[in-house]
C-alpha atoms as a PDB file:
ATOM      1  CA  MET A   1      -0.097   0.169   0.008  1.00  0.00           C
ATOM      2  CA  ARG A   2       1.210   3.143  -0.461  1.00  0.00           C
ATOM      3  CA  VAL A   3       1.490   6.374   1.728  1.00  0.00           C
ATOM      4  CA  THR A   4       1.960   9.813   1.463  1.00  0.00           C
ATOM      5  CA  PHE A   5       3.157  12.075   4.411  1.00  0.00           C
ATOM      6  CA  PHE A   6       4.015  15.877   3.805  1.00  0.00           C
ATOM      7  CA  THR A   7       4.683  18.933   6.291  1.00  0.00           C
ATOM      8  CA  ALA A   8       5.131  22.119   5.935  1.00  0.00           C
ATOM      9  CA  VAL A   9       8.840  24.082   6.855  1.00  0.00           C
ATOM     10  CA  ILE A  10       8.331  27.675   8.326  1.00  0.00           C
ATOM     11  CA  ASN A  11      10.591  30.308   9.521  1.00  0.00           C
ATOM     12  CA  VAL A  12      13.268  29.930   6.809  1.00  0.00           C
ATOM     13  CA  GLN A  13      13.673  30.621   3.016  1.00  0.00           C
ATOM     14  CA  PHE A  14      14.942  28.468   0.420  1.00  0.00           C
ATOM     15  CA  ALA A  15      15.556  29.250  -3.418  1.00  0.00           C
ATOM     16  CA  SER A  16      13.475  27.978  -5.798  1.00  0.00           C
ATOM     17  CA  ILE A  17      13.477  24.301  -5.933  1.00  0.00           C
ATOM     18  CA  SER A  18      11.239  22.947  -8.976  1.00  0.00           C
ATOM     19  CA  GLY A  19       9.838  19.802  -9.727  1.00  0.00           C
ATOM     20  CA  ARG A  20      10.190  16.567  -7.207  1.00  0.00           C
ATOM     21  CA  GLY A  21      12.716  18.592  -5.176  1.00  0.00           C
ATOM     22  CA  ASP A  22      15.577  17.666  -3.689  1.00  0.00           C
ATOM     23  CA  GLU A  23      16.351  14.003  -1.809  1.00  0.00           C
ATOM     24  CA  ILE A  24      16.761  14.677   1.958  1.00  0.00           C
ATOM     25  CA  SER A  25      17.349  10.866   2.436  1.00  0.00           C
ATOM     26  CA  ASP A  26      15.864   7.865   0.988  1.00  0.00           C
ATOM     27  CA  GLY A  27      12.400   8.725  -0.389  1.00  0.00           C
ATOM     28  CA  LEU A  28      12.150  12.131   1.849  1.00  0.00           C
ATOM     29  CA  TYR A  29      12.722  14.951  -0.434  1.00  0.00           C
ATOM     30  CA  ILE A  30      11.812  18.890  -0.249  1.00  0.00           C
ATOM     31  CA  THR A  31      10.176  21.066  -2.783  1.00  0.00           C
ATOM     32  CA  THR A  32       8.775  24.650  -3.016  1.00  0.00           C
ATOM     33  CA  ASP A  33       7.279  23.595  -6.269  1.00  0.00           C
ATOM     34  CA  LYS A  34       3.309  24.380  -6.455  1.00  0.00           C
ATOM     35  CA  ASP A  35       2.700  21.761  -8.710  1.00  0.00           C
ATOM     36  CA  THR A  36       4.059  18.964  -6.714  1.00  0.00           C
ATOM     37  CA  ILE A  37       2.544  20.507  -3.259  1.00  0.00           C
ATOM     38  CA  LEU A  38      -0.817  20.980  -5.603  1.00  0.00           C
ATOM     39  CA  GLY A  39      -0.115  16.793  -6.627  1.00  0.00           C
ATOM     40  CA  LEU A  40       0.267  16.108  -2.321  1.00  0.00           C
ATOM     41  CA  LEU A  41      -3.386  17.289  -2.131  1.00  0.00           C
ATOM     42  CA  VAL A  42      -5.160  15.140  -3.955  1.00  0.00           C
ATOM     43  CA  GLY A  43      -8.672  13.025  -3.876  1.00  0.00           C
ATOM     44  CA  ASP A  44     -10.304  13.874  -0.188  1.00  0.00           C
ATOM     45  CA  VAL A  45      -7.343  15.573   1.462  1.00  0.00           C
ATOM     46  CA  ARG A  46      -8.607  18.946   1.023  1.00  0.00           C
ATOM     47  CA  ASN A  47     -11.736  18.050   2.772  1.00  0.00           C
ATOM     48  CA  ALA A  48      -9.888  16.063   5.574  1.00  0.00           C
ATOM     49  CA  ILE A  49      -7.162  18.481   6.703  1.00  0.00           C
ATOM     50  CA  GLY A  50      -9.419  21.978   6.265  1.00  0.00           C
ATOM     51  CA  ARG A  51      -9.318  25.005   4.387  1.00  0.00           C
ATOM     52  CA  LEU A  52      -7.007  27.033   6.756  1.00  0.00           C
ATOM     53  CA  GLU A  53      -4.166  23.803   6.891  1.00  0.00           C
ATOM     54  CA  THR A  54      -4.570  23.652   3.103  1.00  0.00           C
ATOM     55  CA  ASP A  55      -3.693  27.230   2.498  1.00  0.00           C
ATOM     56  CA  PHE A  56      -1.219  27.188   4.876  1.00  0.00           C
ATOM     57  CA  LEU A  57       0.749  24.154   3.166  1.00  0.00           C
ATOM     58  CA  LEU A  58       0.195  25.940  -0.795  1.00  0.00           C
ATOM     59  CA  ASN A  59       1.958  29.328   1.011  1.00  0.00           C
ATOM     60  CA  ALA A  60       4.678  27.928   3.169  1.00  0.00           C
ATOM     61  CA  PRO A  61       8.170  28.159   2.351  1.00  0.00           C
ATOM     62  CA  ALA A  62       8.598  24.527   1.496  1.00  0.00           C
ATOM     63  CA  VAL A  63       6.898  21.034   1.697  1.00  0.00           C
ATOM     64  CA  ILE A  64       9.304  17.869   2.703  1.00  0.00           C
ATOM     65  CA  TYR A  65       7.200  15.113   1.698  1.00  0.00           C
ATOM     66  CA  SER A  66       7.948  11.089   1.018  1.00  0.00           C
ATOM     67  CA  ARG A  67       5.691   8.458  -1.050  1.00  0.00           C
ATOM     68  CA  ASN A  68       6.537   4.913   0.475  1.00  0.00           C
ATOM     69  CA  ASP A  69       4.886   1.384   0.338  1.00  0.00           C
ATOM     70  CA  VAL A  70       4.207  -0.074   3.111  1.00  0.00           C
ATOM     71  CA  ALA A  71       2.764  -3.452   5.074  1.00  0.00           C
ATOM     72  CA  ASP A  72      -1.132  -3.129   5.065  1.00  0.00           C
ATOM     73  CA  ASP A  73      -1.082  -3.657   8.952  1.00  0.00           C
ATOM     74  CA  PHE A  74       1.402  -0.948   9.453  1.00  0.00           C
ATOM     75  CA  ASN A  75       0.679   1.217  12.223  1.00  0.00           C
ATOM     76  CA  TRP A  76       0.017   4.706  11.201  1.00  0.00           C
ATOM     77  CA  LEU A  77       0.933   6.498  14.279  1.00  0.00           C
ATOM     78  CA  GLU A  78       4.296   4.906  14.841  1.00  0.00           C
ATOM     79  CA  TYR A  79       4.697   5.681  11.048  1.00  0.00           C
ATOM     80  CA  LEU A  80       3.611   9.146  11.103  1.00  0.00           C
ATOM     81  CA  GLY A  81       5.875   9.300  14.167  1.00  0.00           C
ATOM     82  CA  CYS A  82       8.883   8.613  12.702  1.00  0.00           C
ATOM     83  CA  CYS A  83       8.662  10.626   9.616  1.00  0.00           C
ATOM     84  CA  LEU A  84       7.983  14.029  11.665  1.00  0.00           C
ATOM     85  CA  ARG A  85      11.161  12.713  13.741  1.00  0.00           C
ATOM     86  CA  LYS A  86      13.457  12.486  10.445  1.00  0.00           C
ATOM     87  CA  VAL A  87      11.949  15.690   9.782  1.00  0.00           C
ATOM     88  CA  LYS A  88      12.768  17.387  13.095  1.00  0.00           C
ATOM     89  CA  MET A  89      16.688  15.580  12.924  1.00  0.00           C
ATOM     90  CA  PHE A  90      16.796  17.466   9.540  1.00  0.00           C
ATOM     91  CA  PHE A  91      16.659  20.998  11.334  1.00  0.00           C
ATOM     92  CA  HIS A  92      18.782  20.348  13.560  1.00  0.00           C
ATOM     93  CA  VAL A  93      21.317  19.627  10.692  1.00  0.00           C
ATOM     94  CA  MET A  94      20.593  22.657   9.368  1.00  0.00           C
ATOM     95  CA  TRP A  95      21.765  24.526  12.332  1.00  0.00           C
ATOM     96  CA  LEU A  96      25.145  22.554  12.060  1.00  0.00           C
ATOM     97  CA  ALA A  97      25.376  25.029   9.020  1.00  0.00           C
ATOM     98  CA  LYS A  98      24.112  28.529  10.263  1.00  0.00           C
ATOM     99  CA  ASP A  99      21.691  29.079  13.089  1.00  0.00           C
ATOM    100  CA  ASN A 100      18.189  29.183  11.922  1.00  0.00           C
ATOM    101  CA  ALA A 101      14.460  28.442  13.494  1.00  0.00           C
ATOM    102  CA  ALA A 102      13.906  26.506  11.142  1.00  0.00           C
ATOM    103  CA  ASP A 103      10.614  23.746  12.051  1.00  0.00           C
ATOM    104  CA  SER A 104       7.493  22.515  10.874  1.00  0.00           C
ATOM    105  CA  GLU A 105       4.013  21.914  12.810  1.00  0.00           C
ATOM    106  CA  LEU A 106       1.587  19.941  11.714  1.00  0.00           C
ATOM    107  CA  GLY A 107       2.511  16.591   9.607  1.00  0.00           C
ATOM    108  CA  PHE A 108       0.169  14.586   7.722  1.00  0.00           C
ATOM    109  CA  LEU A 109      -0.158  10.673   6.622  1.00  0.00           C
ATOM    110  CA  THR A 110      -2.769   9.813   3.703  1.00  0.00           C
ATOM    111  CA  TYR A 111      -3.830   6.588   2.324  1.00  0.00           C
ATOM    112  CA  VAL A 112      -6.400   4.484   0.426  1.00  0.00           C
ATOM    113  CA  PRO A 113      -6.432   0.730   2.185  1.00  0.00           C
ATOM    114  CA  GLY A 114      -9.650   0.328   0.400  1.00  0.00           C
ATOM    115  CA  PHE A 115     -12.305   2.184  -1.093  1.00  0.00           C
ATOM    116  CA  VAL A 116     -12.234   5.313   1.159  1.00  0.00           C
ATOM    117  CA  GLN A 117      -9.314   7.625   1.518  1.00  0.00           C
ATOM    118  CA  ARG A 118      -7.692   8.033   5.353  1.00  0.00           C
ATOM    119  CA  THR A 119      -5.664  11.254   6.368  1.00  0.00           C
ATOM    120  CA  HIS A 120      -4.251  11.379   9.704  1.00  0.00           C
ATOM    121  CA  SER A 121      -2.465  14.636  11.198  1.00  0.00           C
ATOM    122  CA  ASN A 122       0.190  14.651  14.108  1.00  0.00           C
ATOM    123  CA  ALA A 123       2.961  16.889  15.845  1.00  0.00           C
ATOM    124  CA  VAL A 124       6.432  16.406  17.409  1.00  0.00           C
ATOM    125  CA  SER A 125       5.135  19.195  20.553  1.00  0.00           C
ATOM    126  CA  VAL A 126       8.544  21.186  20.274  1.00  0.00           C
ATOM    127  CA  THR A 127       9.552  24.601  19.000  1.00  0.00           C
ATOM    128  CA  TYR A 128      13.035  25.780  17.993  1.00  0.00           C
ATOM    129  CA  ARG A 129      14.143  29.735  18.153  1.00  0.00           C
ATOM    130  CA  MET A 130      17.286  31.439  16.965  1.00  0.00           C
ATOM    131  CA  ALA A 131      19.815  31.892  20.016  1.00  0.00           C
ATOM    132  CA  ASP A 132      19.127  34.986  20.576  1.00  0.00           C
ATOM    133  CA  GLY A 133      15.139  33.596  21.285  1.00  0.00           C
ATOM    134  CA  SER A 134      13.625  35.042  17.898  1.00  0.00           C
ATOM    135  CA  LEU A 135      12.047  32.942  15.332  1.00  0.00           C
ATOM    136  CA  SER A 136      13.642  35.137  12.759  1.00  0.00           C
ATOM    137  CA  VAL A 137      13.415  34.125   9.045  1.00  0.00           C
ATOM    138  CA  ILE A 138      16.599  32.550   7.670  1.00  0.00           C
ATOM    139  CA  ALA A 139      17.447  32.046   3.969  1.00  0.00           C
ATOM    140  CA  PHE A 140      19.369  28.989   2.411  1.00  0.00           C
ATOM    141  CA  SER A 141      20.524  29.117  -1.017  1.00  0.00           C
ATOM    142  CA  ARG A 142      20.571  25.987  -2.707  1.00  0.00           C
ATOM    143  CA  LYS A 143      24.309  25.178  -2.373  1.00  0.00           C
ATOM    144  CA  GLU A 144      23.836  25.252   0.801  1.00  0.00           C
ATOM    145  CA  LEU A 145      21.037  23.160   1.005  1.00  0.00           C
ATOM    146  CA  LYS A 146      23.062  20.575  -1.006  1.00  0.00           C
ATOM    147  CA  GLU A 147      25.899  20.749   1.629  1.00  0.00           C
ATOM    148  CA  ILE A 148      22.977  20.173   4.401  1.00  0.00           C
ATOM    149  CA  ARG A 149      21.428  17.073   2.847  1.00  0.00           C
ATOM    150  CA  ALA A 150      24.922  15.404   1.800  1.00  0.00           C
ATOM    151  CA  TYR A 151      25.730  15.952   5.929  1.00  0.00           C
ATOM    152  CA  TYR A 152      22.608  14.631   7.116  1.00  0.00           C
ATOM    153  CA  ARG A 153      23.159  11.495   5.057  1.00  0.00           C
ATOM    154  CA  ALA A 154      26.741  11.455   5.490  1.00  0.00           C
ATOM    155  CA  PHE A 155      26.111  11.582   9.832  1.00  0.00           C
ATOM    156  CA  ILE A 156      22.489  11.125  10.542  1.00  0.00           C
ATOM    157  CA  GLY A 157      23.272   7.316  12.127  1.00  0.00           C
ATOM    158  CA  GLU A 158      25.463   8.880  14.672  1.00  0.00           C
ATOM    159  CA  ILE A 159      23.063  12.365  15.082  1.00  0.00           C
ATOM    160  CA  GLU A 160      19.834  10.929  17.033  1.00  0.00           C
ATOM    161  CA  GLY A 161      16.890  12.457  18.624  1.00  0.00           C
ATOM    162  CA  PRO A 162      16.204  12.624  22.528  1.00  0.00           C
ATOM    163  CA  THR A 163      15.696   9.495  23.913  1.00  0.00           C
ATOM    164  CA  PRO A 164      12.398   8.923  25.975  1.00  0.00           C
ATOM    165  CA  TYR A 165      12.252  11.038  28.967  1.00  0.00           C
ATOM    166  CA  GLY A 166      15.560  12.240  28.334  1.00  0.00           C
ATOM    167  CA  ILE A 167      17.720   8.967  28.874  1.00  0.00           C
ATOM    168  CA  LEU A 168      20.920   8.858  27.126  1.00  0.00           C
ATOM    169  CA  ARG A 169      21.923   5.494  26.885  1.00  0.00           C
ATOM    170  CA  SER A 170      25.590   4.329  27.866  1.00  0.00           C
ATOM    171  CA  GLU A 171      26.402   3.531  24.022  1.00  0.00           C
ATOM    172  CA  LEU A 172      25.922   6.945  22.816  1.00  0.00           C
ATOM    173  CA  GLY A 173      29.109   8.639  22.178  1.00  0.00           C
ATOM    174  CA  ARG A 174      30.455  12.293  23.463  1.00  0.00           C
ATOM    175  CA  THR A 175      29.331  14.174  20.028  1.00  0.00           C
ATOM    176  CA  MET A 176      26.304  12.256  20.218  1.00  0.00           C
ATOM    177  CA  ARG A 177      24.912  13.519  23.568  1.00  0.00           C
ATOM    178  CA  ALA A 178      26.704  16.869  23.073  1.00  0.00           C
ATOM    179  CA  PHE A 179      24.162  16.839  19.869  1.00  0.00           C
ATOM    180  CA  TYR A 180      21.193  15.738  22.327  1.00  0.00           C
ATOM    181  CA  TRP A 181      21.901  18.851  24.843  1.00  0.00           C
ATOM    182  CA  ILE A 182      22.071  20.861  22.000  1.00  0.00           C
ATOM    183  CA  GLN A 183      18.607  20.362  20.498  1.00  0.00           C
ATOM    184  CA  ALA A 184      17.363  20.559  23.728  1.00  0.00           C
ATOM    185  CA  GLY A 185      18.787  23.892  24.306  1.00  0.00           C
ATOM    186  CA  ARG A 186      17.559  25.139  20.916  1.00  0.00           C
ATOM    187  CA  ALA A 187      13.922  24.156  22.184  1.00  0.00           C
ATOM    188  CA  ALA A 188      14.117  25.416  25.754  1.00  0.00           C
ATOM    189  CA  GLY A 189      11.523  28.167  26.472  1.00  0.00           C
ATOM    190  CA  GLY A 190      14.161  30.883  27.685  1.00  0.00           C
ATOM    191  CA  LEU A 191      17.507  32.335  27.478  1.00  0.00           C
ATOM    192  CA  GLY A 192      18.984  31.041  31.068  1.00  0.00           C
ATOM    193  CA  GLU A 193      17.853  27.418  29.854  1.00  0.00           C
ATOM    194  CA  ARG A 194      19.228  27.639  26.313  1.00  0.00           C
ATOM    195  CA  ILE A 195      22.265  28.552  28.031  1.00  0.00           C
ATOM    196  CA  ALA A 196      22.366  25.614  30.659  1.00  0.00           C
ATOM    197  CA  SER A 197      21.141  22.782  28.378  1.00  0.00           C
ATOM    198  CA  PHE A 198      24.566  24.569  26.195  1.00  0.00           C
ATOM    199  CA  CYS A 199      26.962  24.120  28.621  1.00  0.00           C
ATOM    200  CA  THR A 200      25.681  20.756  29.285  1.00  0.00           C
ATOM    201  CA  ALA A 201      26.256  20.024  26.181  1.00  0.00           C
ATOM    202  CA  MET A 202      30.250  21.219  26.210  1.00  0.00           C
ATOM    203  CA  GLU A 203      30.462  18.961  29.934  1.00  0.00           C
ATOM    204  CA  SER A 204      28.850  15.916  27.601  1.00  0.00           C
ATOM    205  CA  LEU A 205      31.748  16.541  24.661  1.00  0.00           C
ATOM    206  CA  PHE A 206      34.795  17.527  26.900  1.00  0.00           C
ATOM    207  CA  ALA A 207      34.231  17.054  30.453  1.00  0.00           C
ATOM    208  CA  THR A 208      36.244  14.212  32.198  1.00  0.00           C
ATOM    209  CA  SER A 209      36.277  15.441  35.852  1.00  0.00           C
ATOM    210  CA  SER A 210      33.968  17.752  37.636  1.00  0.00           C
ATOM    211  CA  SER A 211      36.904  19.541  39.800  1.00  0.00           C
ATOM    212  CA  GLU A 212      36.726  22.800  38.544  1.00  0.00           C
ATOM    213  CA  LEU A 213      34.898  22.048  35.940  1.00  0.00           C
ATOM    214  CA  ALA A 214      33.938  25.522  34.317  1.00  0.00           C
ATOM    215  CA  HIS A 215      37.747  26.553  34.198  1.00  0.00           C
ATOM    216  CA  GLN A 216      38.133  23.372  32.548  1.00  0.00           C
ATOM    217  CA  LEU A 217      35.276  23.357  30.139  1.00  0.00           C
ATOM    218  CA  ALA A 218      36.645  26.954  29.194  1.00  0.00           C
ATOM    219  CA  GLU A 219      40.123  26.068  28.860  1.00  0.00           C
ATOM    220  CA  ARG A 220      39.375  23.008  26.431  1.00  0.00           C
ATOM    221  CA  MET A 221      36.714  24.694  24.436  1.00  0.00           C
ATOM    222  CA  ALA A 222      39.489  27.716  24.222  1.00  0.00           C
ATOM    223  CA  VAL A 223      42.180  25.129  22.768  1.00  0.00           C
ATOM    224  CA  PHE A 224      40.496  22.866  20.415  1.00  0.00           C
ATOM    225  CA  LEU A 225      38.671  25.722  18.620  1.00  0.00           C
ATOM    226  CA  SER A 226      41.487  28.273  17.792  1.00  0.00           C
ATOM    227  CA  ASP A 227      45.432  27.806  18.099  1.00  0.00           C
ATOM    228  CA  GLN A 228      45.714  31.838  18.270  1.00  0.00           C
ATOM    229  CA  PRO A 229      46.148  33.312  21.922  1.00  0.00           C
ATOM    230  CA  GLU A 230      43.961  35.901  21.428  1.00  0.00           C
ATOM    231  CA  GLU A 231      41.040  33.669  20.153  1.00  0.00           C
ATOM    232  CA  ARG A 232      41.616  31.224  22.773  1.00  0.00           C
ATOM    233  CA  LEU A 233      41.436  34.464  25.485  1.00  0.00           C
ATOM    234  CA  GLN A 234      37.711  35.283  24.023  1.00  0.00           C
ATOM    235  CA  VAL A 235      36.326  31.644  24.141  1.00  0.00           C
ATOM    236  CA  TYR A 236      37.467  30.970  27.183  1.00  0.00           C
ATOM    237  CA  ARG A 237      35.978  34.335  28.566  1.00  0.00           C
ATOM    238  CA  GLN A 238      32.457  34.128  26.466  1.00  0.00           C
ATOM    239  CA  VAL A 239      32.624  29.953  27.985  1.00  0.00           C
ATOM    240  CA  LYS A 240      33.301  31.468  32.018  1.00  0.00           C
ATOM    241  CA  THR A 241      30.591  33.902  31.024  1.00  0.00           C
ATOM    242  CA  ALA A 242      28.240  30.873  30.214  1.00  0.00           C
ATOM    243  CA  TYR A 243      29.108  29.424  33.369  1.00  0.00           C
ATOM    244  CA  ARG A 244      28.526  31.881  35.574  1.00  0.00           C
ATOM    245  CA  LEU A 245      24.702  32.644  33.914  1.00  0.00           C
ATOM    246  CA  ARG A 246      24.447  28.470  33.778  1.00  0.00           C
ATOM    247  CA  SER A 247      24.867  28.493  37.857  1.00  0.00           C
ATOM    248  CA  LYS A 248      22.051  31.067  38.031  1.00  0.00           C
ATOM    249  CA  VAL A 249      19.819  29.296  36.317  1.00  0.00           C
ATOM    250  CA  VAL A 250      19.986  25.499  37.228  1.00  0.00           C
ATOM    251  CA  HIS A 251      20.165  27.351  41.330  1.00  0.00           C
ATOM    252  CA  GLY A 252      17.132  29.022  41.001  1.00  0.00           C
ATOM    253  CA  ASP A 253      18.544  32.524  41.136  1.00  0.00           C
ATOM    254  CA  LEU A 254      16.452  35.543  39.472  1.00  0.00           C
ATOM    255  CA  LEU A 255      17.643  36.593  36.264  1.00  0.00           C
ATOM    256  CA  ARG A 256      16.711  40.096  36.144  1.00  0.00           C
ATOM    257  CA  GLN A 257      15.163  42.183  32.706  1.00  0.00           C
ATOM    258  CA  SER A 258      18.614  44.576  32.646  1.00  0.00           C
ATOM    259  CA  MET A 259      20.669  40.945  31.997  1.00  0.00           C
ATOM    260  CA  GLU A 260      18.323  40.546  28.724  1.00  0.00           C
ATOM    261  CA  ASP A 261      21.416  41.428  26.446  1.00  0.00           C
ATOM    262  CA  GLU A 262      24.103  39.990  28.425  1.00  0.00           C
ATOM    263  CA  LEU A 263      21.990  36.886  27.876  1.00  0.00           C
ATOM    264  CA  ILE A 264      21.613  37.205  24.536  1.00  0.00           C
ATOM    265  CA  GLU A 265      25.162  37.658  24.107  1.00  0.00           C
ATOM    266  CA  SER A 266      25.692  34.657  25.876  1.00  0.00           C
ATOM    267  CA  SER A 267      23.768  32.423  23.922  1.00  0.00           C
ATOM    268  CA  MET A 268      24.704  33.506  20.310  1.00  0.00           C
ATOM    269  CA  GLY A 269      28.046  32.710  21.591  1.00  0.00           C
ATOM    270  CA  CYS A 270      27.241  29.419  23.280  1.00  0.00           C
ATOM    271  CA  ASP A 271      25.319  28.782  19.713  1.00  0.00           C
ATOM    272  CA  ASP A 272      28.531  29.731  17.772  1.00  0.00           C
ATOM    273  CA  LEU A 273      30.802  27.807  19.435  1.00  0.00           C
ATOM    274  CA  LEU A 274      29.101  24.623  20.009  1.00  0.00           C
ATOM    275  CA  ARG A 275      28.387  24.804  15.816  1.00  0.00           C
ATOM    276  CA  GLN A 276      32.306  24.648  15.647  1.00  0.00           C
ATOM    277  CA  ALA A 277      33.041  22.177  18.414  1.00  0.00           C
ATOM    278  CA  ILE A 278      30.160  19.762  16.628  1.00  0.00           C
ATOM    279  CA  GLN A 279      31.424  20.094  13.050  1.00  0.00           C
ATOM    280  CA  LYS A 280      35.396  19.385  13.737  1.00  0.00           C
ATOM    281  CA  ALA A 281      34.185  16.335  16.384  1.00  0.00           C
ATOM    282  CA  ALA A 282      32.801  15.226  13.118  1.00  0.00           C
ATOM    283  CA  ALA A 283      35.362  15.828  10.783  1.00  0.00           C
ATOM    284  CA  ASN A 284      38.214  15.431  12.279  1.00  0.00           C
ATOM    285  CA  LYS A 285      40.019  12.219  12.462  1.00  0.00           C
ATOM    286  CA  GLU A 286      42.469  12.828  15.857  1.00  0.00           C
ATOM    287  CA  ALA A 287      39.508  14.928  17.590  1.00  0.00           C
ATOM    288  CA  ARG A 288      37.072  11.891  16.973  1.00  0.00           C
ATOM    289  CA  LYS A 289      39.849   8.865  18.157  1.00  0.00           C
ATOM    290  CA  ALA A 290      39.988  11.438  21.570  1.00  0.00           C
ATOM    291  CA  LEU A 291      35.884  11.582  21.812  1.00  0.00           C
ATOM    292  CA  ASP A 292      35.608   8.326  21.292  1.00  0.00           C
ATOM    293  CA  GLY A 293      38.025   6.810  24.008  1.00  0.00           C
ATOM    294  CA  SER A 294      38.487   6.987  27.096  1.00  0.00           C
ATOM    295  CA  ASN A 295      38.589  10.013  29.954  1.00  0.00           C
ATOM    296  CA  GLU A 296      42.409   9.147  29.908  1.00  0.00           C
ATOM    297  CA  SER A 297      42.827   9.556  26.269  1.00  0.00           C
ATOM    298  CA  LEU A 298      40.677  12.582  26.086  1.00  0.00           C
ATOM    299  CA  ASP A 299      42.462  13.924  28.990  1.00  0.00           C
ATOM    300  CA  ARG A 300      46.092  13.485  26.624  1.00  0.00           C
ATOM    301  CA  TYR A 301      44.503  15.097  23.738  1.00  0.00           C
ATOM    302  CA  PHE A 302      44.168  18.459  25.581  1.00  0.00           C
ATOM    303  CA  MET A 303      47.569  18.075  27.173  1.00  0.00           C
ATOM    304  CA  GLU A 304      49.017  17.870  24.206  1.00  0.00           C
ATOM    305  CA  LEU A 305      46.671  20.503  22.808  1.00  0.00           C
ATOM    306  CA  LEU A 306      47.556  23.041  25.529  1.00  0.00           C
ATOM    307  CA  LEU A 307      51.496  22.373  25.483  1.00  0.00           C
ATOM    308  CA  THR A 308      52.455  21.696  22.204  1.00  0.00           C
ATOM    309  CA  GLN A 309      49.808  23.882  19.896  1.00  0.00           C
ATOM    310  CA  ARG A 310      51.829  26.620  18.738  1.00  0.00           C
ATOM    311  CA  PRO A 311      50.036  30.085  17.436  1.00  0.00           C
END
């Protein structure tokens, strides 16, 4: 039986993607082509989803969709949930290219099991925002989208979504655990919670001891991302500031309105630093080997960076 999934993309702008669109992964496409989108709304689908959702889809910046064959006794709720999680993960991989608030709301699944067309809807109840807390519309070129799709296909096996109740399996590596907390930060309700999640992401990547944790993470982020003394000092100070704000959040201190500018600056700084760190952790073989090893091997890796690297 053939089933069709589709959902609108919001808070982002793409260059024209004609025809069936660009393939994100096996059978999952993204398109801006109106004729292709109209082709998804066939039969009784428009009546089932209603005029408001139909207009929303037709005027969306893009639509992500798939058409696949499934067993007649498939579980539509599980299937639709899986499709929505793939879309959300695609948005997380888009974040690796640059900060954005790309998102989706309702996803739809339609099929004809006999003589009557069935249409279902569901959503993943998280909302992603920019690092400054806004929902600004960010443009992506066709070239950027191509690079994102390639990255998605190459690393999606390692980058997973949140697990039930936030419990992370023991076999998840440091990069995956860090990416989990970045996802939590991007969906956080406030900048304070976002910064706290971003600091936890840094810990997931580089922490090997709870002793002088803020100093250890600030130092390791600095030497990991740069070999220039001035840049290292700047990163060190950014991370220390983030940990000071994190401490206020997790210990229940009051974050005053007068701190808004500082919170925005820190959140944007952490967002950028973590993007650089995840990119290097995924692409640099030496870094991947150290991160995949024991705490002792990671300690040696950073000791060598700290003592032997020269500008």
